[in-house]
Amino acid sequence: MNKRIIVSSVIAGLIVFIWTNISFMLLPFHQMILFSFKDEGTLGAVLKANVDHPGVYVLPSPNFGSKDGQKRTKEEKKAAWLESQEKIRRGPFVFVSIHPNGKEPFMAKTMLYAFLMNVLAAYIFSWLLMKANLVNYWEQVNFVALAALAGGVISHLPNLIWWGFPTNYTLLALIDLIIGWFLGGMVIAKVIKK
């Protein structure tokens, strides 16, 4: 394995990890778009009473295929579809990951996984950059930032489109990626010189 790729991956991964932590913990933008519920205790009890296992839940439920284990007819599926559309219009509409019995915070473990994720992404970007025919430093930096943006578009825009994630939340996620990987790209381009 090329030593330059490993070095660039670890350093760039660390830079992006640091940027992400600065963005989330020190800058006010994420706190401005993440909200709290009015009564967490009551809502938590309702969720716990209605959720059997950890997973991603949608309200209203989009289950059109069967009801109580029985396959639905074409007419029943159409009626269920129309009913769900009306429920979505009325609200609330929810798309959420729930852990009904709690979850260990594992802040150190979570931070380690986030760092390793960034190192893996930096490794992929380093490898791609070595294969690209770019000689100018800033072209290489922009290549990494645009590759990260492409990944962000693929991963964040579906949540905006399908699940109604707020535009400001999605834009902030994309801006975080661009800034973080522009900084990471500066390291990668410097280490992966051709």
N, C-alpha and C. Protein backbone atom coordinates (compact mmCIF):
# COMPACT_ATOMS: atom_id res chain seq x y z
N MET A 1 0.85 -1.18 0.00
CA MET A 1 0.00 0.00 0.00
C MET A 1 0.90 1.24 0.00
N ASN A 2 0.52 2.22 -0.76
CA ASN A 2 1.31 3.43 -0.90
C ASN A 2 1.32 4.22 0.41
N LYS A 3 2.53 4.50 0.90
CA LYS A 3 2.68 5.22 2.17
C LYS A 3 2.05 6.61 2.11
N ARG A 4 2.13 7.26 0.95
CA ARG A 4 1.55 8.60 0.82
C ARG A 4 0.04 8.58 1.04
N ILE A 5 -0.61 7.53 0.55
CA ILE A 5 -2.07 7.43 0.73
C ILE A 5 -2.41 7.28 2.21
N ILE A 6 -1.65 6.46 2.91
CA ILE A 6 -1.93 6.25 4.34
C ILE A 6 -1.70 7.54 5.13
N VAL A 7 -0.58 8.20 4.86
CA VAL A 7 -0.28 9.45 5.57
C VAL A 7 -1.34 10.51 5.28
N SER A 8 -1.67 10.68 4.00
CA SER A 8 -2.68 11.69 3.64
C SER A 8 -4.04 11.34 4.24
N SER A 9 -4.37 10.06 4.29
CA SER A 9 -5.66 9.64 4.82
C SER A 9 -5.79 9.96 6.31
N VAL A 10 -4.76 9.64 7.06
CA VAL A 10 -4.81 9.87 8.51
C VAL A 10 -4.83 11.37 8.82
N ILE A 11 -3.95 12.13 8.16
CA ILE A 11 -3.90 13.58 8.45
C ILE A 11 -5.18 14.27 7.99
N ALA A 12 -5.61 13.99 6.77
CA ALA A 12 -6.84 14.62 6.25
C ALA A 12 -8.05 14.18 7.07
N GLY A 13 -8.10 12.90 7.44
CA GLY A 13 -9.20 12.42 8.28
C GLY A 13 -9.25 13.16 9.60
N LEU A 14 -8.08 13.42 10.19
CA LEU A 14 -8.02 14.17 11.44
C LEU A 14 -8.47 15.61 11.25
N ILE A 15 -8.03 16.25 10.16
CA ILE A 15 -8.43 17.63 9.88
C ILE A 15 -9.95 17.74 9.73
N VAL A 16 -10.55 16.82 8.97
CA VAL A 16 -12.00 16.85 8.78
C VAL A 16 -12.72 16.55 10.09
N PHE A 17 -12.19 15.62 10.87
CA PHE A 17 -12.76 15.31 12.18
C PHE A 17 -12.75 16.55 13.08
N ILE A 18 -11.64 17.26 13.10
CA ILE A 18 -11.54 18.48 13.91
C ILE A 18 -12.53 19.53 13.41
N TRP A 19 -12.59 19.71 12.08
CA TRP A 19 -13.54 20.69 11.53
C TRP A 19 -14.98 20.35 11.94
N THR A 20 -15.34 19.09 11.81
CA THR A 20 -16.70 18.67 12.13
C THR A 20 -17.03 18.97 13.60
N ASN A 21 -16.08 18.70 14.48
CA ASN A 21 -16.31 18.98 15.90
C ASN A 21 -16.41 20.47 16.17
N ILE A 22 -15.59 21.27 15.50
CA ILE A 22 -15.70 22.72 15.64
C ILE A 22 -17.07 23.18 15.16
N SER A 23 -17.48 22.68 14.01
CA SER A 23 -18.77 23.08 13.43
C SER A 23 -19.94 22.73 14.34
N PHE A 24 -19.91 21.52 14.93
CA PHE A 24 -21.03 21.08 15.76
C PHE A 24 -20.98 21.64 17.17
N MET A 25 -19.78 21.77 17.75
CA MET A 25 -19.70 22.10 19.17
C MET A 25 -19.40 23.57 19.47
N LEU A 26 -18.72 24.25 18.57
CA LEU A 26 -18.33 25.63 18.85
C LEU A 26 -19.10 26.66 18.05
N LEU A 27 -19.47 26.34 16.83
CA LEU A 27 -20.22 27.28 16.01
C LEU A 27 -21.71 27.13 16.31
N PRO A 28 -22.50 28.18 16.18
CA PRO A 28 -23.91 28.13 16.61
C PRO A 28 -24.87 27.52 15.59
N PHE A 29 -24.42 27.24 14.38
CA PHE A 29 -25.36 26.92 13.30
C PHE A 29 -26.15 25.63 13.53
N HIS A 30 -25.52 24.59 14.03
CA HIS A 30 -26.24 23.33 14.25
C HIS A 30 -27.26 23.47 15.38
N GLN A 31 -26.89 24.20 16.43
CA GLN A 31 -27.84 24.40 17.53
C GLN A 31 -29.04 25.22 17.08
N MET A 32 -28.86 26.05 16.07
CA MET A 32 -29.96 26.89 15.58
C MET A 32 -31.01 26.09 14.80
N ILE A 33 -30.64 24.90 14.29
CA ILE A 33 -31.59 24.15 13.47
C ILE A 33 -32.00 22.81 14.08
N LEU A 34 -31.47 22.48 15.25
CA LEU A 34 -31.89 21.26 15.95
C LEU A 34 -32.79 21.68 17.11
N PHE A 35 -33.99 21.14 17.15
CA PHE A 35 -34.99 21.58 18.12
C PHE A 35 -35.28 20.51 19.16
N SER A 36 -35.85 20.94 20.27
CA SER A 36 -36.27 20.04 21.34
C SER A 36 -37.78 19.93 21.36
N PHE A 37 -38.28 18.83 21.90
CA PHE A 37 -39.72 18.66 22.05
C PHE A 37 -40.20 19.41 23.30
N LYS A 38 -41.46 19.81 23.29
CA LYS A 38 -42.02 20.55 24.42
C LYS A 38 -42.03 19.71 25.69
N ASP A 39 -42.39 18.44 25.57
CA ASP A 39 -42.48 17.56 26.74
C ASP A 39 -41.82 16.22 26.39
N GLU A 40 -40.51 16.16 26.57
CA GLU A 40 -39.76 14.95 26.21
C GLU A 40 -40.22 13.73 26.99
N GLY A 41 -40.56 13.93 28.25
CA GLY A 41 -40.98 12.80 29.09
C GLY A 41 -42.24 12.12 28.55
N THR A 42 -43.26 12.92 28.24
CA THR A 42 -44.51 12.37 27.72
C THR A 42 -44.30 11.73 26.36
N LEU A 43 -43.59 12.44 25.48
CA LEU A 43 -43.34 11.89 24.14
C LEU A 43 -42.52 10.61 24.23
N GLY A 44 -41.50 10.60 25.10
CA GLY A 44 -40.68 9.40 25.27
C GLY A 44 -41.52 8.21 25.72
N ALA A 45 -42.45 8.44 26.65
CA ALA A 45 -43.32 7.37 27.15
C ALA A 45 -44.23 6.85 26.04
N VAL A 46 -44.77 7.77 25.23
CA VAL A 46 -45.64 7.37 24.11
C VAL A 46 -44.84 6.55 23.09
N LEU A 47 -43.64 7.00 22.77
CA LEU A 47 -42.81 6.26 21.81
C LEU A 47 -42.47 4.88 22.35
N LYS A 48 -42.05 4.82 23.60
CA LYS A 48 -41.68 3.54 24.20
C LYS A 48 -42.86 2.57 24.21
N ALA A 49 -44.05 3.08 24.44
CA ALA A 49 -45.25 2.23 24.48
C ALA A 49 -45.65 1.74 23.09
N ASN A 50 -45.19 2.43 22.03
CA ASN A 50 -45.62 2.09 20.68
C ASN A 50 -44.53 1.51 19.79
N VAL A 51 -43.35 1.29 20.34
CA VAL A 51 -42.22 0.79 19.55
C VAL A 51 -41.70 -0.49 20.20
N ASP A 52 -41.60 -1.55 19.42
CA ASP A 52 -41.15 -2.84 19.95
C ASP A 52 -39.63 -3.02 19.93
N HIS A 53 -38.97 -2.42 18.96
CA HIS A 53 -37.53 -2.66 18.79
C HIS A 53 -36.88 -1.45 18.13
N PRO A 54 -35.56 -1.33 18.25
CA PRO A 54 -34.87 -0.20 17.61
C PRO A 54 -35.04 -0.26 16.10
N GLY A 55 -35.14 0.91 15.49
CA GLY A 55 -35.26 0.95 14.03
C GLY A 55 -35.67 2.32 13.55
N VAL A 56 -35.90 2.41 12.25
CA VAL A 56 -36.37 3.64 11.62
C VAL A 56 -37.88 3.52 11.48
N TYR A 57 -38.58 4.52 11.97
CA TYR A 57 -40.04 4.51 11.97
C TYR A 57 -40.58 5.69 11.17
N VAL A 58 -41.73 5.46 10.55
CA VAL A 58 -42.39 6.49 9.75
C VAL A 58 -43.82 6.63 10.24
N LEU A 59 -44.26 7.88 10.40
CA LEU A 59 -45.64 8.17 10.77
C LEU A 59 -46.18 9.20 9.79
N PRO A 60 -47.25 8.91 9.08
CA PRO A 60 -48.04 7.69 9.12
C PRO A 60 -47.31 6.53 8.45
N SER A 61 -47.65 5.32 8.89
CA SER A 61 -47.01 4.12 8.38
C SER A 61 -47.35 3.92 6.90
N PRO A 62 -46.31 3.65 6.08
CA PRO A 62 -46.56 3.47 4.64
C PRO A 62 -46.85 2.02 4.26
N ASN A 63 -47.36 1.21 5.18
CA ASN A 63 -47.57 -0.21 4.91
C ASN A 63 -48.80 -0.43 4.03
N PHE A 64 -48.55 -0.61 2.73
CA PHE A 64 -49.64 -0.82 1.77
C PHE A 64 -49.73 -2.27 1.31
N GLY A 65 -48.71 -3.06 1.62
CA GLY A 65 -48.66 -4.42 1.10
C GLY A 65 -49.58 -5.39 1.81
N SER A 66 -49.66 -5.29 3.14
CA SER A 66 -50.50 -6.23 3.88
C SER A 66 -51.07 -5.55 5.11
N LYS A 67 -52.10 -6.16 5.63
CA LYS A 67 -52.72 -5.66 6.86
C LYS A 67 -52.98 -6.87 7.74
N ASP A 68 -52.38 -6.85 8.92
CA ASP A 68 -52.52 -7.98 9.84
C ASP A 68 -52.12 -9.29 9.19
N GLY A 69 -51.07 -9.25 8.36
CA GLY A 69 -50.57 -10.46 7.71
C GLY A 69 -51.34 -10.89 6.48
N GLN A 70 -52.44 -10.21 6.16
CA GLN A 70 -53.26 -10.56 5.00
C GLN A 70 -52.89 -9.66 3.82
N LYS A 71 -52.70 -10.27 2.66
CA LYS A 71 -52.37 -9.49 1.46
C LYS A 71 -53.58 -8.64 1.07
N ARG A 72 -53.31 -7.40 0.69
CA ARG A 72 -54.39 -6.49 0.32
C ARG A 72 -54.71 -6.61 -1.16
N THR A 73 -55.96 -6.32 -1.46
CA THR A 73 -56.38 -6.29 -2.87
C THR A 73 -55.89 -4.97 -3.47
N LYS A 74 -55.99 -4.87 -4.79
CA LYS A 74 -55.58 -3.65 -5.48
C LYS A 74 -56.38 -2.45 -4.97
N GLU A 75 -57.66 -2.65 -4.76
CA GLU A 75 -58.52 -1.57 -4.28
C GLU A 75 -58.14 -1.16 -2.85
N GLU A 76 -57.83 -2.16 -2.01
CA GLU A 76 -57.43 -1.86 -0.63
C GLU A 76 -56.10 -1.10 -0.60
N LYS A 77 -55.17 -1.49 -1.49
CA LYS A 77 -53.88 -0.78 -1.57
C LYS A 77 -54.09 0.67 -1.98
N LYS A 78 -54.97 0.88 -2.97
CA LYS A 78 -55.24 2.24 -3.43
C LYS A 78 -55.88 3.07 -2.31
N ALA A 79 -56.84 2.47 -1.60
CA ALA A 79 -57.49 3.18 -0.49
C ALA A 79 -56.48 3.50 0.62
N ALA A 80 -55.59 2.56 0.92
CA ALA A 80 -54.56 2.79 1.93
C ALA A 80 -53.62 3.91 1.50
N TRP A 81 -53.27 3.93 0.21
CA TRP A 81 -52.40 4.98 -0.33
C TRP A 81 -53.06 6.35 -0.17
N LEU A 82 -54.33 6.46 -0.57
CA LEU A 82 -55.04 7.73 -0.47
C LEU A 82 -55.18 8.18 0.98
N GLU A 83 -55.47 7.22 1.86
CA GLU A 83 -55.58 7.54 3.28
C GLU A 83 -54.25 8.05 3.84
N SER A 84 -53.15 7.41 3.44
CA SER A 84 -51.84 7.85 3.94
C SER A 84 -51.49 9.25 3.43
N GLN A 85 -51.87 9.54 2.18
CA GLN A 85 -51.61 10.88 1.63
C GLN A 85 -52.34 11.95 2.43
N GLU A 86 -53.57 11.65 2.81
CA GLU A 86 -54.34 12.61 3.62
C GLU A 86 -53.73 12.76 5.01
N LYS A 87 -53.27 11.66 5.61
CA LYS A 87 -52.63 11.73 6.93
C LYS A 87 -51.34 12.55 6.86
N ILE A 88 -50.59 12.39 5.77
CA ILE A 88 -49.35 13.17 5.60
C ILE A 88 -49.68 14.66 5.52
N ARG A 89 -50.74 15.00 4.76
CA ARG A 89 -51.15 16.40 4.64
C ARG A 89 -51.54 16.99 6.00
N ARG A 90 -52.30 16.22 6.78
CA ARG A 90 -52.78 16.70 8.09
C ARG A 90 -51.64 16.80 9.10
N GLY A 91 -50.70 15.86 9.03
CA GLY A 91 -49.60 15.81 9.97
C GLY A 91 -50.01 15.17 11.29
N PRO A 92 -49.10 14.87 12.14
CA PRO A 92 -47.67 15.06 11.90
C PRO A 92 -47.10 14.00 10.96
N PHE A 93 -46.04 14.39 10.28
CA PHE A 93 -45.28 13.45 9.46
C PHE A 93 -43.93 13.29 10.14
N VAL A 94 -43.55 12.04 10.41
CA VAL A 94 -42.33 11.77 11.18
C VAL A 94 -41.51 10.69 10.49
N PHE A 95 -40.20 10.93 10.42
CA PHE A 95 -39.23 9.94 9.95
C PHE A 95 -38.10 9.99 10.98
N VAL A 96 -37.98 8.92 11.78
CA VAL A 96 -37.10 9.02 12.95
C VAL A 96 -36.46 7.67 13.28
N SER A 97 -35.25 7.73 13.80
CA SER A 97 -34.58 6.54 14.33
C SER A 97 -34.87 6.48 15.82
N ILE A 98 -35.41 5.34 16.26
CA ILE A 98 -35.81 5.22 17.67
C ILE A 98 -35.09 4.04 18.32
N HIS A 99 -34.60 4.28 19.53
CA HIS A 99 -34.05 3.23 20.40
C HIS A 99 -34.92 3.23 21.65
N PRO A 100 -35.98 2.42 21.67
CA PRO A 100 -36.97 2.52 22.75
C PRO A 100 -36.40 2.23 24.14
N ASN A 101 -35.37 1.42 24.23
CA ASN A 101 -34.80 1.08 25.53
C ASN A 101 -33.52 1.84 25.81
N GLY A 102 -33.33 2.94 25.13
CA GLY A 102 -32.14 3.76 25.35
C GLY A 102 -30.96 3.27 24.53
N LYS A 103 -29.87 3.99 24.66
CA LYS A 103 -28.66 3.70 23.89
C LYS A 103 -27.50 4.23 24.70
N GLU A 104 -26.45 3.44 24.82
CA GLU A 104 -25.26 3.92 25.53
C GLU A 104 -24.64 5.07 24.75
N PRO A 105 -24.33 6.18 25.42
CA PRO A 105 -23.77 7.32 24.70
C PRO A 105 -22.41 7.03 24.06
N PHE A 106 -21.54 6.27 24.73
CA PHE A 106 -20.23 5.91 24.18
C PHE A 106 -19.57 7.05 23.41
N MET A 107 -19.45 8.21 24.02
CA MET A 107 -18.91 9.36 23.30
C MET A 107 -17.52 9.05 22.73
N ALA A 108 -16.65 8.41 23.50
CA ALA A 108 -15.30 8.11 23.00
C ALA A 108 -15.38 7.15 21.81
N LYS A 109 -16.22 6.14 21.93
CA LYS A 109 -16.37 5.17 20.84
C LYS A 109 -16.97 5.83 19.60
N THR A 110 -17.97 6.66 19.79
CA THR A 110 -18.60 7.37 18.67
C THR A 110 -17.59 8.29 17.99
N MET A 111 -16.80 8.99 18.78
CA MET A 111 -15.77 9.87 18.21
C MET A 111 -14.74 9.06 17.42
N LEU A 112 -14.35 7.91 17.96
CA LEU A 112 -13.40 7.05 17.25
C LEU A 112 -13.97 6.60 15.91
N TYR A 113 -15.23 6.17 15.91
CA TYR A 113 -15.87 5.75 14.65
C TYR A 113 -15.96 6.89 13.65
N ALA A 114 -16.28 8.09 14.14
CA ALA A 114 -16.35 9.25 13.25
C ALA A 114 -14.98 9.55 12.65
N PHE A 115 -13.94 9.48 13.47
CA PHE A 115 -12.58 9.70 12.97
C PHE A 115 -12.22 8.65 11.92
N LEU A 116 -12.49 7.38 12.21
CA LEU A 116 -12.17 6.30 11.26
C LEU A 116 -12.96 6.44 9.97
N MET A 117 -14.21 6.90 10.06
CA MET A 117 -15.00 7.15 8.85
C MET A 117 -14.33 8.21 7.99
N ASN A 118 -13.84 9.27 8.62
CA ASN A 118 -13.15 10.32 7.87
C ASN A 118 -11.84 9.83 7.27
N VAL A 119 -11.12 8.99 7.99
CA VAL A 119 -9.88 8.41 7.44
C VAL A 119 -10.20 7.54 6.23
N LEU A 120 -11.26 6.75 6.32
CA LEU A 120 -11.66 5.92 5.18
C LEU A 120 -12.03 6.79 3.98
N ALA A 121 -12.82 7.83 4.20
CA ALA A 121 -13.19 8.74 3.11
C ALA A 121 -11.94 9.40 2.53
N ALA A 122 -11.01 9.82 3.39
CA ALA A 122 -9.77 10.44 2.92
C ALA A 122 -8.95 9.45 2.10
N TYR A 123 -8.97 8.19 2.50
CA TYR A 123 -8.25 7.16 1.74
C TYR A 123 -8.85 7.04 0.33
N ILE A 124 -10.16 7.01 0.25
CA ILE A 124 -10.83 6.91 -1.06
C ILE A 124 -10.50 8.14 -1.90
N PHE A 125 -10.59 9.33 -1.31
CA PHE A 125 -10.28 10.56 -2.05
C PHE A 125 -8.81 10.58 -2.48
N SER A 126 -7.92 10.12 -1.61
CA SER A 126 -6.49 10.07 -1.96
C SER A 126 -6.26 9.15 -3.14
N TRP A 127 -6.89 7.99 -3.10
CA TRP A 127 -6.74 7.03 -4.19
C TRP A 127 -7.29 7.61 -5.50
N LEU A 128 -8.47 8.22 -5.42
CA LEU A 128 -9.06 8.83 -6.62
C LEU A 128 -8.17 9.94 -7.17
N LEU A 129 -7.61 10.74 -6.27
CA LEU A 129 -6.76 11.84 -6.70
C LEU A 129 -5.49 11.33 -7.38
N MET A 130 -4.96 10.22 -6.88
CA MET A 130 -3.77 9.64 -7.52
C MET A 130 -4.09 9.16 -8.93
N LYS A 131 -5.32 8.75 -9.17
CA LYS A 131 -5.73 8.26 -10.49
C LYS A 131 -6.12 9.40 -11.43
N ALA A 132 -6.46 10.55 -10.86
CA ALA A 132 -6.89 11.69 -11.69
C ALA A 132 -5.66 12.33 -12.34
N ASN A 133 -5.89 12.94 -13.47
CA ASN A 133 -4.80 13.57 -14.21
C ASN A 133 -4.78 15.07 -13.92
N LEU A 134 -4.55 15.41 -12.66
CA LEU A 134 -4.54 16.81 -12.23
C LEU A 134 -3.15 17.13 -11.67
N VAL A 135 -2.55 18.19 -12.15
CA VAL A 135 -1.21 18.54 -11.67
C VAL A 135 -1.23 19.81 -10.81
N ASN A 136 -2.20 20.67 -11.01
CA ASN A 136 -2.30 21.91 -10.26
C ASN A 136 -2.83 21.63 -8.85
N TYR A 137 -2.16 22.19 -7.85
CA TYR A 137 -2.53 21.97 -6.45
C TYR A 137 -3.99 22.32 -6.18
N TRP A 138 -4.45 23.49 -6.61
CA TRP A 138 -5.81 23.92 -6.31
C TRP A 138 -6.85 23.11 -7.08
N GLU A 139 -6.49 22.62 -8.26
CA GLU A 139 -7.39 21.70 -8.97
C GLU A 139 -7.56 20.42 -8.16
N GLN A 140 -6.48 19.95 -7.56
CA GLN A 140 -6.54 18.74 -6.74
C GLN A 140 -7.39 18.96 -5.48
N VAL A 141 -7.19 20.12 -4.85
CA VAL A 141 -7.99 20.45 -3.66
C VAL A 141 -9.47 20.51 -4.03
N ASN A 142 -9.79 21.21 -5.11
CA ASN A 142 -11.18 21.32 -5.56
C ASN A 142 -11.75 19.97 -5.96
N PHE A 143 -10.94 19.10 -6.53
CA PHE A 143 -11.37 17.75 -6.89
C PHE A 143 -11.88 17.02 -5.65
N VAL A 144 -11.12 17.08 -4.56
CA VAL A 144 -11.52 16.41 -3.32
C VAL A 144 -12.80 17.04 -2.77
N ALA A 145 -12.86 18.37 -2.74
CA ALA A 145 -14.05 19.05 -2.21
C ALA A 145 -15.29 18.72 -3.04
N LEU A 146 -15.13 18.68 -4.37
CA LEU A 146 -16.28 18.36 -5.24
C LEU A 146 -16.68 16.89 -5.12
N ALA A 147 -15.70 16.01 -4.94
CA ALA A 147 -16.03 14.59 -4.73
C ALA A 147 -16.82 14.43 -3.44
N ALA A 148 -16.44 15.17 -2.39
CA ALA A 148 -17.19 15.12 -1.13
C ALA A 148 -18.59 15.70 -1.31
N LEU A 149 -18.67 16.79 -2.08
CA LEU A 149 -19.98 17.38 -2.36
C LEU A 149 -20.87 16.39 -3.11
N ALA A 150 -20.30 15.68 -4.07
CA ALA A 150 -21.07 14.67 -4.81
C ALA A 150 -21.60 13.60 -3.86
N GLY A 151 -20.75 13.15 -2.94
CA GLY A 151 -21.20 12.18 -1.93
C GLY A 151 -22.30 12.75 -1.06
N GLY A 152 -22.18 14.04 -0.72
CA GLY A 152 -23.20 14.69 0.09
C GLY A 152 -24.52 14.83 -0.63
N VAL A 153 -24.45 15.16 -1.91
CA VAL A 153 -25.68 15.27 -2.72
C VAL A 153 -26.38 13.92 -2.76
N ILE A 154 -25.61 12.87 -2.98
CA ILE A 154 -26.18 11.52 -3.06
C ILE A 154 -26.77 11.08 -1.72
N SER A 155 -26.13 11.46 -0.61
CA SER A 155 -26.59 10.97 0.69
C SER A 155 -27.57 11.90 1.40
N HIS A 156 -27.46 13.21 1.21
CA HIS A 156 -28.32 14.14 1.96
C HIS A 156 -29.57 14.58 1.20
N LEU A 157 -29.48 14.77 -0.10
CA LEU A 157 -30.66 15.25 -0.83
C LEU A 157 -31.83 14.28 -0.83
N PRO A 158 -31.61 12.95 -0.84
CA PRO A 158 -32.78 12.07 -0.74
C PRO A 158 -33.59 12.30 0.54
N ASN A 159 -32.91 12.64 1.64
CA ASN A 159 -33.65 12.92 2.88
C ASN A 159 -34.48 14.20 2.76
N LEU A 160 -33.97 15.17 2.04
CA LEU A 160 -34.72 16.40 1.78
C LEU A 160 -35.92 16.10 0.88
N ILE A 161 -35.67 15.34 -0.18
CA ILE A 161 -36.70 15.07 -1.18
C ILE A 161 -37.78 14.13 -0.65
N TRP A 162 -37.39 13.01 -0.08
CA TRP A 162 -38.36 11.98 0.30
C TRP A 162 -38.94 12.16 1.69
N TRP A 163 -38.12 12.60 2.64
CA TRP A 163 -38.57 12.61 4.03
C TRP A 163 -38.82 14.01 4.57
N GLY A 164 -38.63 15.01 3.73
CA GLY A 164 -38.95 16.37 4.15
C GLY A 164 -37.97 16.99 5.12
N PHE A 165 -36.71 16.51 5.13
CA PHE A 165 -35.73 17.16 5.99
C PHE A 165 -35.67 18.64 5.61
N PRO A 166 -35.51 19.52 6.57
CA PRO A 166 -35.49 20.95 6.28
C PRO A 166 -34.35 21.34 5.34
N THR A 167 -34.61 22.32 4.50
CA THR A 167 -33.60 22.79 3.55
C THR A 167 -32.37 23.32 4.28
N ASN A 168 -32.58 24.08 5.37
CA ASN A 168 -31.43 24.63 6.09
C ASN A 168 -30.57 23.54 6.71
N TYR A 169 -31.18 22.46 7.18
CA TYR A 169 -30.44 21.31 7.72
C TYR A 169 -29.59 20.67 6.63
N THR A 170 -30.20 20.47 5.46
CA THR A 170 -29.51 19.84 4.34
C THR A 170 -28.38 20.72 3.83
N LEU A 171 -28.65 22.01 3.67
CA LEU A 171 -27.60 22.93 3.20
C LEU A 171 -26.44 22.99 4.18
N LEU A 172 -26.72 23.00 5.47
CA LEU A 172 -25.65 23.04 6.46
C LEU A 172 -24.81 21.77 6.39
N ALA A 173 -25.45 20.63 6.19
CA ALA A 173 -24.69 19.38 6.05
C ALA A 173 -23.77 19.44 4.84
N LEU A 174 -24.27 19.98 3.73
CA LEU A 174 -23.46 20.09 2.51
C LEU A 174 -22.33 21.11 2.70
N ILE A 175 -22.62 22.22 3.35
CA ILE A 175 -21.58 23.23 3.61
C ILE A 175 -20.49 22.64 4.51
N ASP A 176 -20.89 21.90 5.54
CA ASP A 176 -19.91 21.23 6.40
C ASP A 176 -18.99 20.32 5.59
N LEU A 177 -19.59 19.56 4.68
CA LEU A 177 -18.79 18.66 3.83
C LEU A 177 -17.82 19.43 2.96
N ILE A 178 -18.31 20.48 2.32
CA ILE A 178 -17.45 21.25 1.41
C ILE A 178 -16.28 21.87 2.18
N ILE A 179 -16.56 22.51 3.31
CA ILE A 179 -15.49 23.14 4.08
C ILE A 179 -14.52 22.09 4.61
N GLY A 180 -15.07 21.06 5.24
CA GLY A 180 -14.22 20.01 5.81
C GLY A 180 -13.33 19.35 4.78
N TRP A 181 -13.91 19.00 3.63
CA TRP A 181 -13.12 18.29 2.63
C TRP A 181 -12.30 19.23 1.75
N PHE A 182 -12.60 20.52 1.75
CA PHE A 182 -11.68 21.48 1.13
C PHE A 182 -10.41 21.52 1.98
N LEU A 183 -10.58 21.59 3.30
CA LEU A 183 -9.42 21.56 4.20
C LEU A 183 -8.69 20.23 4.10
N GLY A 184 -9.45 19.13 4.11
CA GLY A 184 -8.84 17.82 3.96
C GLY A 184 -8.15 17.68 2.61
N GLY A 185 -8.77 18.24 1.57
CA GLY A 185 -8.19 18.20 0.23
C GLY A 185 -6.87 18.94 0.15
N MET A 186 -6.72 20.01 0.95
CA MET A 186 -5.44 20.73 0.97
C MET A 186 -4.33 19.82 1.47
N VAL A 187 -4.64 19.00 2.47
CA VAL A 187 -3.65 18.05 2.99
C VAL A 187 -3.39 16.95 1.97
N ILE A 188 -4.46 16.37 1.45
CA ILE A 188 -4.31 15.27 0.50
C ILE A 188 -3.50 15.71 -0.72
N ALA A 189 -3.84 16.86 -1.28
CA ALA A 189 -3.13 17.35 -2.47
C ALA A 189 -1.66 17.62 -2.18
N LYS A 190 -1.36 18.06 -0.97
CA LYS A 190 0.04 18.34 -0.60
C LYS A 190 0.83 17.04 -0.46
N VAL A 191 0.22 16.04 0.15
CA VAL A 191 0.93 14.77 0.41
C VAL A 191 0.99 13.91 -0.85
N ILE A 192 -0.06 13.93 -1.66
CA ILE A 192 -0.13 13.08 -2.86
C ILE A 192 0.42 13.84 -4.06
N LYS A 193 1.46 14.59 -3.91
CA LYS A 193 2.03 15.33 -5.04
C LYS A 193 2.49 14.36 -6.10
N LYS A 194 2.29 14.75 -7.36
CA LYS A 194 2.73 13.89 -8.47
C LYS A 194 4.07 14.34 -8.96
